[in-house]
Protein backbone atom coordinates (compact mmCIF):
# COMPACT_ATOMS: atom_id res chain seq x y z
CA MET A 1 -159.43 33.71 82.52
CA LYS A 2 -158.43 35.35 79.28
CA THR A 3 -154.87 35.27 78.02
CA LEU A 4 -153.98 38.54 76.35
CA LEU A 5 -151.13 39.26 73.98
CA ARG A 6 -150.90 42.60 72.26
CA THR A 7 -148.44 43.61 69.54
CA ALA A 8 -148.16 47.01 67.98
CA LEU A 9 -146.05 48.30 65.14
CA LEU A 10 -145.09 51.68 66.53
CA GLY A 11 -143.19 53.50 63.81
CA PHE A 12 -140.80 53.61 60.93
CA LEU A 13 -137.38 55.12 60.36
CA LEU A 14 -137.02 56.03 56.68
CA SER A 15 -133.66 55.67 55.01
CA GLN A 16 -134.15 58.31 52.30
CA VAL A 17 -135.09 61.95 52.80
CA GLY A 18 -136.21 64.62 50.33
CA PHE A 19 -137.18 68.18 51.22
CA VAL A 20 -138.99 71.19 49.87
CA PHE A 21 -138.93 74.47 51.70
CA ALA A 22 -141.94 76.58 52.65
CA GLN A 23 -141.72 79.44 55.12
CA GLY A 24 -138.43 78.11 56.36
CA VAL A 25 -139.86 74.70 57.37
CA ALA A 26 -138.46 71.49 55.87
CA VAL A 27 -141.21 69.13 54.69
CA ASP A 28 -140.50 65.57 53.57
CA THR A 29 -142.37 64.95 50.30
CA THR A 30 -140.56 61.81 49.14
CA PRO A 31 -143.12 59.03 48.62
CA ARG A 32 -142.38 56.02 50.74
CA SER A 33 -141.46 52.90 48.85
CA PRO A 34 -143.33 49.63 49.53
CA ALA A 35 -140.45 48.50 51.73
CA GLN A 36 -140.31 51.78 53.67
CA SER A 37 -144.04 51.60 54.35
CA LEU A 38 -143.72 47.90 55.30
CA SER A 39 -146.51 47.09 52.86
CA CYS A 40 -144.81 43.84 51.85
CA LEU A 41 -143.86 42.76 55.36
CA GLN A 42 -144.20 39.00 55.79
CA ARG A 43 -144.75 37.67 59.30
CA PRO A 44 -146.59 34.72 60.87
CA SER A 45 -150.34 35.16 61.05
CA LYS A 46 -150.93 32.82 63.98
CA PRO A 47 -151.07 34.74 67.27
CA LEU A 48 -148.49 34.01 69.92
CA GLU A 49 -149.74 31.98 72.85
CA PHE A 50 -148.91 32.79 76.45
CA PRO A 51 -146.16 30.40 77.69
CA GLU A 52 -147.97 29.14 80.78
CA ARG A 53 -145.83 27.17 83.19
CA HIS A 54 -148.91 26.09 85.12
CA LYS A 55 -152.60 26.92 85.02
CA LEU A 56 -152.27 29.60 87.72
CA ASP A 57 -149.37 31.39 86.04
CA HIS A 58 -150.39 35.06 86.30
CA ALA A 59 -147.17 36.50 84.92
CA SER A 60 -146.90 39.45 82.58
CA GLY A 61 -144.11 41.06 80.62
CA MET A 62 -143.22 43.38 77.76
CA THR A 63 -140.56 43.31 75.07
CA ARG A 64 -140.01 46.29 72.75
CA VAL A 65 -137.62 45.78 69.85
CA LYS A 66 -136.19 47.74 66.97
CA LEU A 67 -136.12 45.77 63.71
CA LEU A 68 -133.54 46.59 61.03
CA PHE A 69 -134.24 45.10 57.60
CA GLU A 70 -131.04 45.04 55.56
CA LYS A 71 -131.71 42.33 52.93
CA ALA A 72 -134.94 41.27 51.24
CA ASP A 73 -134.41 37.57 51.91
CA ALA A 74 -132.97 37.79 55.42
CA LYS A 75 -134.46 38.10 58.88
CA PRO A 76 -134.15 41.53 60.50
CA ARG A 77 -131.45 42.46 62.91
CA VAL A 78 -133.03 42.98 66.33
CA GLU A 79 -132.14 45.53 69.00
CA VAL A 80 -133.90 45.31 72.35
CA LEU A 81 -135.18 48.72 73.44
CA ALA A 82 -137.03 47.60 76.56
CA ASN A 83 -137.76 44.28 78.20
CA THR A 84 -139.54 43.13 81.33
CA ALA A 85 -140.51 39.72 79.93
CA ARG A 86 -139.09 36.52 81.30
CA GLU A 87 -136.94 34.22 79.19
CA ASP A 88 -139.64 31.91 77.78
CA MET A 89 -141.66 34.94 76.64
CA GLN A 90 -138.59 36.36 74.94
CA ASP A 91 -137.98 33.01 73.25
CA LEU A 92 -141.41 33.26 71.64
CA VAL A 93 -140.76 36.85 70.53
CA PHE A 94 -137.35 36.16 68.98
CA GLY A 95 -138.63 32.99 67.35
CA ARG A 96 -141.44 35.01 65.78
CA LEU A 97 -139.14 37.81 64.61
CA ALA A 98 -136.79 35.31 62.93
CA GLU A 99 -139.61 34.61 60.45
CA TYR A 100 -140.07 38.25 59.42
CA ARG A 101 -139.07 39.17 55.88
CA LEU A 102 -139.30 42.32 53.74
CA PRO A 103 -139.12 40.85 50.21
CA CYS A 104 -139.70 44.16 48.37
CA LEU A 105 -136.63 45.76 49.97
CA THR A 106 -134.25 47.18 47.37
CA PRO A 107 -130.72 48.57 47.67
CA GLU A 108 -132.18 52.04 47.09
CA ASP A 109 -134.25 51.69 50.27
CA GLY A 110 -131.17 51.31 52.42
CA VAL A 111 -131.89 49.94 55.88
CA VAL A 112 -135.57 50.07 56.84
CA SER A 113 -136.33 50.13 60.54
CA ALA A 114 -139.47 49.61 62.59
CA VAL A 115 -140.32 49.29 66.25
CA GLN A 116 -142.63 46.60 67.60
CA GLU A 117 -143.83 45.90 71.11
CA PHE A 118 -145.07 42.56 72.46
CA ASN A 119 -147.15 42.50 75.66
CA PHE A 120 -147.85 39.29 77.56
CA ASN A 121 -150.59 39.34 80.17
CA ASN A 122 -152.21 36.29 81.78
CA THR A 123 -154.26 37.95 84.49
CA ASP A 124 -157.71 39.39 84.98
CA ARG A 125 -156.09 42.54 86.40
CA GLU A 126 -155.96 45.63 84.24
CA PRO A 127 -152.45 47.09 83.90
CA LEU A 128 -152.02 50.08 86.20
CA ALA A 129 -148.89 52.18 86.59
CA MET A 130 -147.97 55.41 88.29
CA GLU A 131 -146.71 58.03 85.84
CA ASP A 132 -143.18 58.13 87.26
CA GLU A 133 -142.99 54.35 87.37
CA ALA A 134 -144.24 54.02 83.81
CA GLN A 135 -141.56 56.45 82.66
CA ALA A 136 -138.90 54.57 84.57
CA LEU A 137 -139.94 51.23 83.06
CA SER A 138 -140.34 52.58 79.54
CA CYS A 139 -136.76 51.71 78.60
CA LEU A 140 -135.76 49.14 81.22
CA VAL A 141 -133.87 46.24 79.67
CA MET A 142 -133.61 43.05 81.69
CA PRO A 143 -131.11 40.30 80.82
CA ARG A 144 -131.96 38.05 77.87
CA GLU A 145 -131.53 34.90 79.95
CA GLY A 146 -133.49 34.29 83.12
CA MET A 147 -132.08 34.11 86.61
CA VAL A 148 -130.38 30.78 87.27
CA ILE A 149 -130.37 29.20 90.72
CA ILE A 150 -128.81 25.83 91.41
CA ASP A 151 -131.26 23.84 93.53
CA ASN A 152 -129.66 23.11 96.90
CA GLY A 153 -132.37 20.72 98.07
CA GLY A 154 -134.34 23.28 100.06
CA ARG A 155 -138.04 22.65 100.59
CA LYS A 156 -139.32 26.16 101.24
CA VAL A 157 -140.34 28.95 98.91
CA GLU A 158 -137.86 31.81 99.33
CA HIS A 159 -138.23 35.48 98.48
CA LEU A 160 -136.53 38.84 98.68
CA MET A 161 -137.09 42.44 97.65
CA LEU A 162 -134.43 44.40 95.79
CA SER A 163 -134.09 48.14 95.33
CA MET A 164 -132.30 49.31 92.18
CA VAL A 165 -131.22 52.92 91.68
CA PHE A 166 -130.19 54.13 88.22
CA ASP A 167 -128.21 57.36 88.57
CA GLY A 168 -125.97 57.43 85.52
CA ASP A 169 -126.22 57.12 81.77
CA GLY A 170 -127.68 54.19 79.85
CA GLU A 171 -124.56 52.05 80.17
CA LYS A 172 -124.18 52.33 83.94
CA PRO A 173 -125.49 49.41 86.05
CA PRO A 174 -127.88 50.15 88.90
CA LYS A 175 -126.93 50.31 92.55
CA VAL A 176 -128.60 47.22 94.01
CA ASP A 177 -129.64 46.83 97.65
CA ILE A 178 -131.50 44.05 99.44
CA VAL A 179 -134.56 45.50 101.16
CA TYR A 180 -135.96 42.25 102.53
CA SER A 181 -134.93 38.61 102.37
CA THR A 182 -135.90 35.28 103.88
CA ASN A 183 -132.15 34.79 104.41
CA SER A 184 -131.56 32.53 101.43
CA LYS A 185 -127.96 33.36 100.49
CA LEU A 186 -128.40 31.39 97.27
CA LEU A 187 -131.31 33.55 96.14
CA GLN A 188 -129.62 36.75 97.29
CA ARG A 189 -126.52 36.14 95.18
CA ALA A 190 -128.50 35.08 92.12
CA ALA A 191 -130.97 37.99 92.30
CA VAL A 192 -128.31 40.66 92.93
CA ASN A 193 -126.18 39.36 90.05
CA PHE A 194 -129.24 39.26 87.78
CA ALA A 195 -130.39 42.78 88.68
CA SER A 196 -126.85 44.12 88.18
CA GLU A 197 -127.31 43.35 84.49
CA TYR A 198 -130.33 45.66 84.18
CA ARG A 199 -129.87 48.75 82.04
CA MET A 200 -131.84 51.86 81.07
CA PRO A 201 -130.37 52.70 77.65
CA CYS A 202 -132.59 55.77 77.23
CA ARG A 203 -130.90 57.54 80.16
CA SER A 204 -128.39 60.33 79.65
CA LYS A 205 -125.74 61.57 82.04
CA GLY A 206 -127.31 64.10 84.39
CA ASP A 207 -130.81 62.60 84.35
CA LYS A 208 -132.42 62.42 87.77
CA PRO A 209 -132.00 59.07 89.57
CA ARG A 210 -134.68 56.42 89.12
CA ARG A 211 -135.51 53.84 91.77
CA ILE A 212 -137.18 50.52 91.00
CA SER A 213 -138.20 47.89 93.53
CA GLN A 214 -138.69 44.29 92.45
CA PRO A 215 -139.70 41.16 94.36
CA PHE A 216 -138.05 37.84 93.57
CA VAL A 217 -139.60 34.47 94.44
CA TYR A 218 -137.83 31.12 94.21
CA ARG A 219 -139.76 27.86 94.29
CA PRO A 220 -137.54 24.77 94.69
CA SER A 221 -138.13 22.03 92.16
CA GLY A 222 -140.99 19.73 93.13
CA VAL A 223 -142.26 21.95 95.94
CA SER A 224 -145.96 22.77 95.71
CA MET A 225 -147.14 26.25 96.58
CA TYR A 226 -150.33 28.23 97.00
CA ALA A 227 -151.40 30.46 94.12
CA LEU A 228 -154.32 32.77 93.44
CA LYS A 229 -157.08 31.33 91.27
CA ARG A 230 -157.96 34.86 90.20
CA GLU A 231 -156.58 38.32 90.88
CA GLY A 232 -159.55 40.66 90.40
CA PHE A 233 -161.93 41.23 93.34
CA SER A 234 -164.70 43.59 94.27
CA LEU A 235 -164.04 45.77 97.30
CA MET A 236 -166.35 43.70 99.51
CA GLU A 237 -164.83 40.42 98.30
CA PHE A 238 -161.40 41.72 99.21
CA LEU A 239 -162.46 42.94 102.64
CA ALA A 240 -164.08 39.58 103.36
CA MET A 241 -160.63 37.96 102.98
CA THR A 242 -158.94 40.23 105.54
CA GLU A 243 -158.24 39.71 109.21
CA GLY A 244 -160.72 40.95 111.81
CA ILE A 245 -162.85 42.86 109.34
CA ARG A 246 -165.91 42.48 111.59
CA GLU A 247 -164.12 44.46 114.28
CA VAL A 248 -162.96 47.28 111.99
CA GLU A 249 -164.48 50.74 111.98
CA ALA A 250 -164.43 52.74 108.76
CA ASN A 251 -166.39 55.48 107.05
CA PHE A 252 -165.34 56.51 103.52
CA ASP A 253 -167.38 58.44 100.99
CA LEU A 254 -166.13 56.86 97.78
CA ASN A 255 -168.22 59.28 95.74
CA THR A 256 -165.68 62.02 96.52
CA MET A 257 -162.74 59.95 95.11
CA HIS A 258 -163.45 60.10 91.36
CA CYS A 259 -165.05 56.68 91.49
CA PRO A 260 -165.14 53.99 90.29
CA PHE A 261 -161.46 53.09 90.18
CA LYS A 262 -159.12 50.15 90.51
CA VAL A 263 -156.43 49.55 93.12
CA ASP A 264 -153.50 47.17 92.84
CA TYR A 265 -152.78 45.67 96.27
CA GLU A 266 -149.31 44.13 96.47
CA LEU A 267 -149.14 41.56 99.24
CA TYR A 268 -145.98 41.71 101.37
CA SER A 269 -147.35 41.28 104.90
CA PRO A 270 -146.69 40.21 107.56
CA HIS A 271 -142.95 40.91 107.08
CA GLN A 272 -143.27 44.16 105.11
CA PRO A 273 -145.96 46.78 104.57
CA ASN A 274 -148.39 46.02 101.77
CA GLU A 275 -148.30 48.43 98.83
CA VAL A 276 -151.29 49.91 97.02
CA ARG A 277 -151.45 51.99 93.87
CA THR A 278 -153.87 53.37 91.33
CA GLY A 279 -153.19 54.44 87.78
CA GLY A 280 -152.28 57.95 86.68
CA LYS A 281 -151.37 60.88 88.88
CA PRO A 282 -151.82 60.58 92.67
CA ASP A 283 -155.26 61.72 93.78
CA PRO A 284 -155.19 63.33 97.26
CA ASN A 285 -158.89 62.54 97.65
CA ARG A 286 -158.00 58.85 97.82
CA ALA A 287 -154.95 59.08 100.09
CA ALA A 288 -156.60 58.19 103.41
CA PHE A 289 -158.62 55.36 101.88
CA LEU A 290 -155.57 53.87 100.14
CA GLN A 291 -153.57 54.01 103.36
CA TRP A 292 -156.42 52.21 105.12
CA LEU A 293 -156.52 49.55 102.39
CA SER A 294 -152.78 48.94 102.67
CA GLU A 295 -153.19 48.24 106.40
CA ARG A 296 -155.70 45.44 105.80
CA GLN A 297 -154.03 42.06 106.17
CA ILE A 298 -155.11 38.91 104.35
CA ALA A 299 -156.36 36.20 106.72
CA PHE A 300 -153.94 33.45 105.78
CA GLU A 301 -154.78 29.86 106.63
CA ASN A 302 -151.22 29.11 107.72
CA ASP A 303 -147.61 30.31 107.52
CA LYS A 304 -146.96 28.41 104.28
CA GLN A 305 -149.82 30.19 102.54
CA ALA A 306 -148.49 33.56 103.73
CA ARG A 307 -145.02 32.69 102.49
CA ASP A 308 -146.18 31.36 99.13
CA LEU A 309 -148.43 34.32 98.32
CA TRP A 310 -145.83 36.94 99.22
CA GLY A 311 -145.31 39.25 96.27
CA SER A 312 -148.70 38.49 94.70
CA THR A 313 -150.89 41.31 93.42
CA LEU A 314 -154.65 41.58 93.81
CA GLN A 315 -156.72 44.15 91.97
CA ILE A 316 -159.60 45.71 93.89
CA ASN A 317 -162.53 47.20 92.00
CA VAL A 318 -163.65 50.17 94.09
CA PRO A 319 -167.23 51.29 93.33
CA CYS A 320 -169.04 54.54 94.02
CA GLY A 321 -171.03 54.84 97.20
CA VAL A 322 -170.24 54.97 100.91
CA LEU A 323 -168.18 52.35 102.74
CA LYS A 324 -169.28 52.29 106.37
CA LEU A 325 -168.13 49.56 108.74
CA GLU A 326 -168.92 49.25 112.43
CA PRO A 327 -167.36 46.83 114.91
CA ARG A 328 -169.63 43.86 115.47
CA SER A 329 -169.68 44.50 119.23
CA ALA A 330 -170.80 48.11 118.72
CA ALA A 331 -173.44 47.19 116.17
CA GLY A 332 -174.90 44.44 118.33
């Protein structure tokens, strides 16, 4: 499995402006200084490493920050623009940023700003997002510190699903509702309090409401749990893991669905419907097939495995061709 970490310097905000006028259009012709172009930026050369908690840690997260360089010999001031990374990932990011310097900065440069994004990904799944969801998450800021739960001695993995609706400006907290829970009051309180700290600072009053759903999983200290060794599967590998597949009838012409494509299958059965999604705009040619995929249930070995894997995401690689299944009794 490859551990991926991507960083990108997205842009600059210049502190000085000069204009000439041509046909009524203002054009900035002021040459950027070394500081304004970040040509003297000093930062660690060693890549960040993914903060694995265990070898099957498939977590991912993103932190986007605005850096404000005010003195040549001082670390930048940091504003968080978006964050979906957990606390240990953020610790790595802020530790790295504390080493940044802009030694060629002069008083004439004023404050030089830049935006940088850090992406953590420890999975063999490719990132997929629906367009509306991607827009909604583009400025989501989660709390700096992770969710804290005081261990009450329980021995079971607990989970719940929250729905958060943002319907105000960037300072307004979301309306938080519990969609599903294993009845752990401890987890419910902690998760609701944590989610109430979420913000979308890019929102303005009057923007249309945005809904985000998020699963939360709590593993008591010292309790072992099942985890996926990998998350990417071919279509036939996935189907081989599902219940009663030899008795299922299906006939799908994948060639008509803009194949090949990838499907994220979010595992919430047997207590909730599974969710499936592909990247980009919804494709009506795939609708029936995706609905059929969501109805396939993983053949768990036992109740503990079902409970532990709740909230996991598999990625299915759908090829071109025709998928035709006949019940074993009919074929025999």
